[in-house]
Amino acid sequence: RADLARVLERLVVYGAGEAGYHARTILT
């Protein structure tokens, strides 16, 4: 089931975008 914890994990970047902030992925 779609538990809230995992749903919020999936919304973090979308929330940042709404605030006008972009995201990057990083790797060694």
PDB file of all heavy atoms in Angstrom:
ATOM      1  N   ARG A   1       0.837  -1.183   0.000  1.00  0.00           N
ATOM      2  CA  ARG A   1       0.000   0.000   0.000  1.00  0.00           C
ATOM      3  C   ARG A   1       0.883   1.247   0.000  1.00  0.00           C
ATOM      4  O   ARG A   1       2.071   1.192   0.329  1.00  0.00           O
ATOM      5  CB  ARG A   1      -0.930   0.016   1.207  1.00  0.00           C
ATOM      6  CG  ARG A   1      -0.232   0.242   2.542  1.00  0.00           C
ATOM      7  CD  ARG A   1      -1.241   0.323   3.663  1.00  0.00           C
ATOM      8  NE  ARG A   1      -0.580   0.598   4.936  1.00  0.00           N
ATOM      9  CZ  ARG A   1      -1.221   0.644   6.090  1.00  0.00           C
ATOM     10  NH1 ARG A   1      -2.526   0.405   6.119  1.00  0.00           N
ATOM     11  NH2 ARG A   1      -0.575   0.909   7.207  1.00  0.00           N
ATOM     12  N   ALA A   2       0.263   2.349  -0.356  1.00  0.00           N
ATOM     13  CA  ALA A   2       1.003   3.604  -0.479  1.00  0.00           C
ATOM     14  C   ALA A   2       1.086   4.280   0.877  1.00  0.00           C
ATOM     15  O   ALA A   2       0.303   5.182   1.193  1.00  0.00           O
ATOM     16  CB  ALA A   2       0.314   4.506  -1.503  1.00  0.00           C
ATOM     17  N   ASP A   3       2.035   3.863   1.709  1.00  0.00           N
ATOM     18  CA  ASP A   3       2.160   4.473   3.025  1.00  0.00           C
ATOM     19  C   ASP A   3       2.711   5.889   2.896  1.00  0.00           C
ATOM     20  O   ASP A   3       3.465   6.211   1.972  1.00  0.00           O
ATOM     21  CB  ASP A   3       3.052   3.621   3.930  1.00  0.00           C
ATOM     22  CG  ASP A   3       4.471   3.506   3.408  1.00  0.00           C
ATOM     23  OD1 ASP A   3       4.688   2.720   2.466  1.00  0.00           O
ATOM     24  OD2 ASP A   3       5.340   4.220   3.922  1.00  0.00           O
ATOM     25  N   LEU A   4       2.325   6.749   3.822  1.00  0.00           N
ATOM     26  CA  LEU A   4       2.647   8.168   3.735  1.00  0.00           C
ATOM     27  C   LEU A   4       4.148   8.414   3.705  1.00  0.00           C
ATOM     28  O   LEU A   4       4.624   9.314   2.995  1.00  0.00           O
ATOM     29  CB  LEU A   4       2.017   8.913   4.917  1.00  0.00           C
ATOM     30  CG  LEU A   4       2.265  10.422   4.969  1.00  0.00           C
ATOM     31  CD1 LEU A   4       1.721  11.108   3.716  1.00  0.00           C
ATOM     32  CD2 LEU A   4       1.652  11.021   6.229  1.00  0.00           C
ATOM     33  N   ALA A   5       4.915   7.642   4.462  1.00  0.00           N
ATOM     34  CA  ALA A   5       6.364   7.865   4.497  1.00  0.00           C
ATOM     35  C   ALA A   5       6.970   7.760   3.103  1.00  0.00           C
ATOM     36  O   ALA A   5       7.736   8.634   2.673  1.00  0.00           O
ATOM     37  CB  ALA A   5       7.023   6.863   5.442  1.00  0.00           C
ATOM     38  N   ARG A   6       6.627   6.702   2.389  1.00  0.00           N
ATOM     39  CA  ARG A   6       7.214   6.514   1.052  1.00  0.00           C
ATOM     40  C   ARG A   6       6.624   7.508   0.046  1.00  0.00           C
ATOM     41  O   ARG A   6       7.299   7.885  -0.923  1.00  0.00           O
ATOM     42  CB  ARG A   6       7.002   5.074   0.598  1.00  0.00           C
ATOM     43  CG  ARG A   6       7.856   4.064   1.364  1.00  0.00           C
ATOM     44  CD  ARG A   6       7.729   2.678   0.767  1.00  0.00           C
ATOM     45  NE  ARG A   6       8.601   1.710   1.418  1.00  0.00           N
ATOM     46  CZ  ARG A   6       8.263   0.976   2.471  1.00  0.00           C
ATOM     47  NH1 ARG A   6       7.059   1.113   3.004  1.00  0.00           N
ATOM     48  NH2 ARG A   6       9.109   0.114   2.993  1.00  0.00           N
ATOM     49  N   VAL A   7       5.394   7.895   0.232  1.00  0.00           N
ATOM     50  CA  VAL A   7       4.805   8.899  -0.660  1.00  0.00           C
ATOM     51  C   VAL A   7       5.525  10.228  -0.498  1.00  0.00           C
ATOM     52  O   VAL A   7       5.893  10.884  -1.486  1.00  0.00           O
ATOM     53  CB  VAL A   7       3.290   9.051  -0.392  1.00  0.00           C
ATOM     54  CG1 VAL A   7       2.746  10.278  -1.120  1.00  0.00           C
ATOM     55  CG2 VAL A   7       2.539   7.806  -0.851  1.00  0.00           C
ATOM     56  N   LEU A   8       5.763  10.655   0.735  1.00  0.00           N
ATOM     57  CA  LEU A   8       6.478  11.917   0.948  1.00  0.00           C
ATOM     58  C   LEU A   8       7.897  11.854   0.398  1.00  0.00           C
ATOM     59  O   LEU A   8       8.414  12.844  -0.139  1.00  0.00           O
ATOM     60  CB  LEU A   8       6.508  12.260   2.435  1.00  0.00           C
ATOM     61  CG  LEU A   8       5.182  12.703   3.063  1.00  0.00           C
ATOM     62  CD1 LEU A   8       5.368  13.024   4.537  1.00  0.00           C
ATOM     63  CD2 LEU A   8       4.603  13.907   2.335  1.00  0.00           C
ATOM     64  N   GLU A   9       8.533  10.702   0.528  1.00  0.00           N
ATOM     65  CA  GLU A   9       9.859  10.512  -0.051  1.00  0.00           C
ATOM     66  C   GLU A   9       9.830  10.791  -1.548  1.00  0.00           C
ATOM     67  O   GLU A   9      10.769  11.392  -2.104  1.00  0.00           O
ATOM     68  CB  GLU A   9      10.300   9.074   0.223  1.00  0.00           C
ATOM     69  CG  GLU A   9      11.712   8.731  -0.189  1.00  0.00           C
ATOM     70  CD  GLU A   9      12.046   7.301   0.202  1.00  0.00           C
ATOM     71  OE1 GLU A   9      11.679   6.375  -0.565  1.00  0.00           O
ATOM     72  OE2 GLU A   9      12.639   7.102   1.272  1.00  0.00           O
ATOM     73  N   ARG A  10       8.754  10.388  -2.196  1.00  0.00           N
ATOM     74  CA  ARG A  10       8.618  10.577  -3.644  1.00  0.00           C
ATOM     75  C   ARG A  10       8.182  11.993  -4.018  1.00  0.00           C
ATOM     76  O   ARG A  10       8.236  12.352  -5.198  1.00  0.00           O
ATOM     77  CB  ARG A  10       7.624   9.543  -4.199  1.00  0.00           C
ATOM     78  CG  ARG A  10       8.215   8.142  -4.279  1.00  0.00           C
ATOM     79  CD  ARG A  10       7.165   7.051  -4.305  1.00  0.00           C
ATOM     80  NE  ARG A  10       7.767   5.756  -4.615  1.00  0.00           N
ATOM     81  CZ  ARG A  10       8.452   5.009  -3.750  1.00  0.00           C
ATOM     82  NH1 ARG A  10       8.621   5.449  -2.506  1.00  0.00           N
ATOM     83  NH2 ARG A  10       8.975   3.862  -4.117  1.00  0.00           N
ATOM     84  N   LEU A  11       7.747  12.782  -3.046  1.00  0.00           N
ATOM     85  CA  LEU A  11       7.269  14.139  -3.345  1.00  0.00           C
ATOM     86  C   LEU A  11       8.296  15.221  -3.027  1.00  0.00           C
ATOM     87  O   LEU A  11       8.060  16.394  -3.328  1.00  0.00           O
ATOM     88  CB  LEU A  11       5.987  14.416  -2.557  1.00  0.00           C
ATOM     89  CG  LEU A  11       4.720  13.720  -3.041  1.00  0.00           C
ATOM     90  CD1 LEU A  11       3.543  14.086  -2.138  1.00  0.00           C
ATOM     91  CD2 LEU A  11       4.407  14.086  -4.488  1.00  0.00           C
ATOM     92  N   VAL A  12       9.414  14.855  -2.425  1.00  0.00           N
ATOM     93  CA  VAL A  12      10.375  15.855  -1.984  1.00  0.00           C
ATOM     94  C   VAL A  12      10.834  16.748  -3.139  1.00  0.00           C
ATOM     95  O   VAL A  12      10.838  17.987  -3.034  1.00  0.00           O
ATOM     96  CB  VAL A  12      11.589  15.169  -1.307  1.00  0.00           C
ATOM     97  CG1 VAL A  12      12.736  16.145  -1.154  1.00  0.00           C
ATOM     98  CG2 VAL A  12      11.195  14.610   0.057  1.00  0.00           C
ATOM     99  N   VAL A  13      11.209  16.157  -4.254  1.00  0.00           N
ATOM    100  CA  VAL A  13      11.716  16.943  -5.385  1.00  0.00           C
ATOM    101  C   VAL A  13      10.604  17.769  -6.015  1.00  0.00           C
ATOM    102  O   VAL A  13      10.824  18.909  -6.451  1.00  0.00           O
ATOM    103  CB  VAL A  13      12.368  16.013  -6.429  1.00  0.00           C
ATOM    104  CG1 VAL A  13      12.734  16.782  -7.694  1.00  0.00           C
ATOM    105  CG2 VAL A  13      13.621  15.368  -5.839  1.00  0.00           C
ATOM    106  N   TYR A  14       9.387  17.233  -6.051  1.00  0.00           N
ATOM    107  CA  TYR A  14       8.252  17.961  -6.637  1.00  0.00           C
ATOM    108  C   TYR A  14       7.904  19.167  -5.764  1.00  0.00           C
ATOM    109  O   TYR A  14       7.553  20.236  -6.283  1.00  0.00           O
ATOM    110  CB  TYR A  14       7.069  17.007  -6.814  1.00  0.00           C
ATOM    111  CG  TYR A  14       7.395  15.913  -7.790  1.00  0.00           C
ATOM    112  CD1 TYR A  14       8.094  14.776  -7.380  1.00  0.00           C
ATOM    113  CD2 TYR A  14       7.077  16.034  -9.138  1.00  0.00           C
ATOM    114  CE1 TYR A  14       8.452  13.792  -8.281  1.00  0.00           C
ATOM    115  CE2 TYR A  14       7.423  15.048 -10.053  1.00  0.00           C
ATOM    116  CZ  TYR A  14       8.123  13.932  -9.616  1.00  0.00           C
ATOM    117  OH  TYR A  14       8.485  12.958 -10.519  1.00  0.00           O
ATOM    118  N   GLY A  15       8.010  18.992  -4.437  1.00  0.00           N
ATOM    119  CA  GLY A  15       7.817  20.128  -3.554  1.00  0.00           C
ATOM    120  C   GLY A  15       8.882  21.190  -3.748  1.00  0.00           C
ATOM    121  O   GLY A  15       8.592  22.388  -3.765  1.00  0.00           O
ATOM    122  N   ALA A  16      10.131  20.756  -3.907  1.00  0.00           N
ATOM    123  CA  ALA A  16      11.207  21.712  -4.164  1.00  0.00           C
ATOM    124  C   ALA A  16      10.958  22.475  -5.457  1.00  0.00           C
ATOM    125  O   ALA A  16      11.153  23.697  -5.522  1.00  0.00           O
ATOM    126  CB  ALA A  16      12.550  20.982  -4.219  1.00  0.00           C
ATOM    127  N   GLY A  17      10.500  21.771  -6.486  1.00  0.00           N
ATOM    128  CA  GLY A  17      10.195  22.425  -7.750  1.00  0.00           C
ATOM    129  C   GLY A  17       9.111  23.472  -7.594  1.00  0.00           C
ATOM    130  O   GLY A  17       9.186  24.557  -8.182  1.00  0.00           O
ATOM    131  N   GLU A  18       8.085  23.161  -6.820  1.00  0.00           N
ATOM    132  CA  GLU A  18       7.010  24.132  -6.593  1.00  0.00           C
ATOM    133  C   GLU A  18       7.552  25.406  -5.953  1.00  0.00           C
ATOM    134  O   GLU A  18       7.066  26.511  -6.232  1.00  0.00           O
ATOM    135  CB  GLU A  18       5.924  23.510  -5.709  1.00  0.00           C
ATOM    136  CG  GLU A  18       4.694  24.366  -5.517  1.00  0.00           C
ATOM    137  CD  GLU A  18       3.953  24.656  -6.819  1.00  0.00           C
ATOM    138  OE1 GLU A  18       3.952  23.778  -7.718  1.00  0.00           O
ATOM    139  OE2 GLU A  18       3.376  25.754  -6.934  1.00  0.00           O
ATOM    140  N   ALA A  19       8.553  25.250  -5.100  1.00  0.00           N
ATOM    141  CA  ALA A  19       9.174  26.411  -4.461  1.00  0.00           C
ATOM    142  C   ALA A  19      10.179  27.104  -5.379  1.00  0.00           C
ATOM    143  O   ALA A  19      10.791  28.108  -4.977  1.00  0.00           O
ATOM    144  CB  ALA A  19       9.868  25.980  -3.167  1.00  0.00           C
ATOM    145  N   GLY A  20      10.375  26.582  -6.606  1.00  0.00           N
ATOM    146  CA  GLY A  20      11.289  27.194  -7.561  1.00  0.00           C
ATOM    147  C   GLY A  20      12.709  26.683  -7.488  1.00  0.00           C
ATOM    148  O   GLY A  20      13.609  27.265  -8.096  1.00  0.00           O
ATOM    149  N   TYR A  21      12.925  25.582  -6.769  1.00  0.00           N
ATOM    150  CA  TYR A  21      14.262  25.008  -6.626  1.00  0.00           C
ATOM    151  C   TYR A  21      14.397  23.753  -7.494  1.00  0.00           C
ATOM    152  O   TYR A  21      13.508  22.905  -7.505  1.00  0.00           O
ATOM    153  CB  TYR A  21      14.540  24.636  -5.170  1.00  0.00           C
ATOM    154  CG  TYR A  21      14.706  25.823  -4.251  1.00  0.00           C
ATOM    155  CD1 TYR A  21      13.625  26.321  -3.531  1.00  0.00           C
ATOM    156  CD2 TYR A  21      15.950  26.441  -4.107  1.00  0.00           C
ATOM    157  CE1 TYR A  21      13.777  27.415  -2.686  1.00  0.00           C
ATOM    158  CE2 TYR A  21      16.104  27.532  -3.258  1.00  0.00           C
ATOM    159  CZ  TYR A  21      15.015  28.021  -2.551  1.00  0.00           C
ATOM    160  OH  TYR A  21      15.164  29.090  -1.719  1.00  0.00           O
ATOM    161  N   HIS A  22      15.519  23.634  -8.174  1.00  0.00           N
ATOM    162  CA  HIS A  22      15.760  22.447  -8.987  1.00  0.00           C
ATOM    163  C   HIS A  22      16.573  21.430  -8.204  1.00  0.00           C
ATOM    164  O   HIS A  22      17.110  21.711  -7.127  1.00  0.00           O
ATOM    165  CB  HIS A  22      16.450  22.796 -10.308  1.00  0.00           C
ATOM    166  CG  HIS A  22      17.795  23.443 -10.149  1.00  0.00           C
ATOM    167  ND1 HIS A  22      17.958  24.788  -9.879  1.00  0.00           N
ATOM    168  CD2 HIS A  22      19.058  22.940 -10.240  1.00  0.00           C
ATOM    169  CE1 HIS A  22      19.250  25.079  -9.815  1.00  0.00           C
ATOM    170  NE2 HIS A  22      19.944  23.976 -10.024  1.00  0.00           N
ATOM    171  N   ALA A  23      16.664  20.224  -8.752  1.00  0.00           N
ATOM    172  CA  ALA A  23      17.356  19.109  -8.094  1.00  0.00           C
ATOM    173  C   ALA A  23      18.455  18.578  -9.003  1.00  0.00           C
ATOM    174  O   ALA A  23      18.375  18.696 -10.227  1.00  0.00           O
ATOM    175  CB  ALA A  23      16.367  17.998  -7.761  1.00  0.00           C
ATOM    176  N   ARG A  24      19.462  18.004  -8.380  1.00  0.00           N
ATOM    177  CA  ARG A  24      20.509  17.307  -9.135  1.00  0.00           C
ATOM    178  C   ARG A  24      20.775  15.957  -8.488  1.00  0.00           C
ATOM    179  O   ARG A  24      20.628  15.799  -7.267  1.00  0.00           O
ATOM    180  CB  ARG A  24      21.804  18.121  -9.185  1.00  0.00           C
ATOM    181  CG  ARG A  24      21.716  19.358 -10.056  1.00  0.00           C
ATOM    182  CD  ARG A  24      23.078  20.008 -10.259  1.00  0.00           C
ATOM    183  NE  ARG A  24      22.975  21.190 -11.085  1.00  0.00           N
ATOM    184  CZ  ARG A  24      22.982  21.191 -12.417  1.00  0.00           C
ATOM    185  NH1 ARG A  24      23.099  20.037 -13.063  1.00  0.00           N
ATOM    186  NH2 ARG A  24      22.879  22.303 -13.094  1.00  0.00           N
ATOM    187  N   THR A  25      21.168  15.004  -9.313  1.00  0.00           N
ATOM    188  CA  THR A  25      21.643  13.731  -8.787  1.00  0.00           C
ATOM    189  C   THR A  25      23.166  13.754  -8.797  1.00  0.00           C
ATOM    190  O   THR A  25      23.784  14.383  -9.661  1.00  0.00           O
ATOM    191  CB  THR A  25      21.114  12.559  -9.631  1.00  0.00           C
ATOM    192  OG1 THR A  25      21.285  12.848 -11.031  1.00  0.00           O
ATOM    193  CG2 THR A  25      19.637  12.337  -9.361  1.00  0.00           C
ATOM    194  N   ILE A  26      23.766  13.082  -7.810  1.00  0.00           N
ATOM    195  CA  ILE A  26      25.224  13.133  -7.662  1.00  0.00           C
ATOM    196  C   ILE A  26      25.771  11.724  -7.469  1.00  0.00           C
ATOM    197  O   ILE A  26      25.134  10.863  -6.860  1.00  0.00           O
ATOM    198  CB  ILE A  26      25.641  14.041  -6.490  1.00  0.00           C
ATOM    199  CG1 ILE A  26      24.946  13.623  -5.188  1.00  0.00           C
ATOM    200  CG2 ILE A  26      25.353  15.496  -6.809  1.00  0.00           C
ATOM    201  CD1 ILE A  26      25.414  14.415  -3.965  1.00  0.00           C
ATOM    202  N   LEU A  27      26.976  11.497  -8.011  1.00  0.00           N
ATOM    203  CA  LEU A  27      27.646  10.204  -7.931  1.00  0.00           C
ATOM    204  C   LEU A  27      29.147  10.402  -7.748  1.00  0.00           C
ATOM    205  O   LEU A  27      29.721  11.365  -8.277  1.00  0.00           O
ATOM    206  CB  LEU A  27      27.435   9.387  -9.205  1.00  0.00           C
ATOM    207  CG  LEU A  27      26.130   8.614  -9.399  1.00  0.00           C
ATOM    208  CD1 LEU A  27      26.105   7.997 -10.784  1.00  0.00           C
ATOM    209  CD2 LEU A  27      25.985   7.533  -8.342  1.00  0.00           C
ATOM    210  N   THR A  28      29.784   9.467  -7.059  1.00  0.00           N
ATOM    211  CA  THR A  28      31.238   9.412  -7.043  1.00  0.00           C
ATOM    212  C   THR A  28      31.698   8.758  -8.346  1.00  0.00           C
ATOM    213  O   THR A  28      30.933   8.033  -9.000  1.00  0.00           O
ATOM    214  CB  THR A  28      31.754   8.580  -5.867  1.00  0.00           C
ATOM    215  OG1 THR A  28      31.399   7.206  -6.080  1.00  0.00           O
ATOM    216  CG2 THR A  28      31.177   9.068  -4.547  1.00  0.00           C
TER     217      THR A  28
END
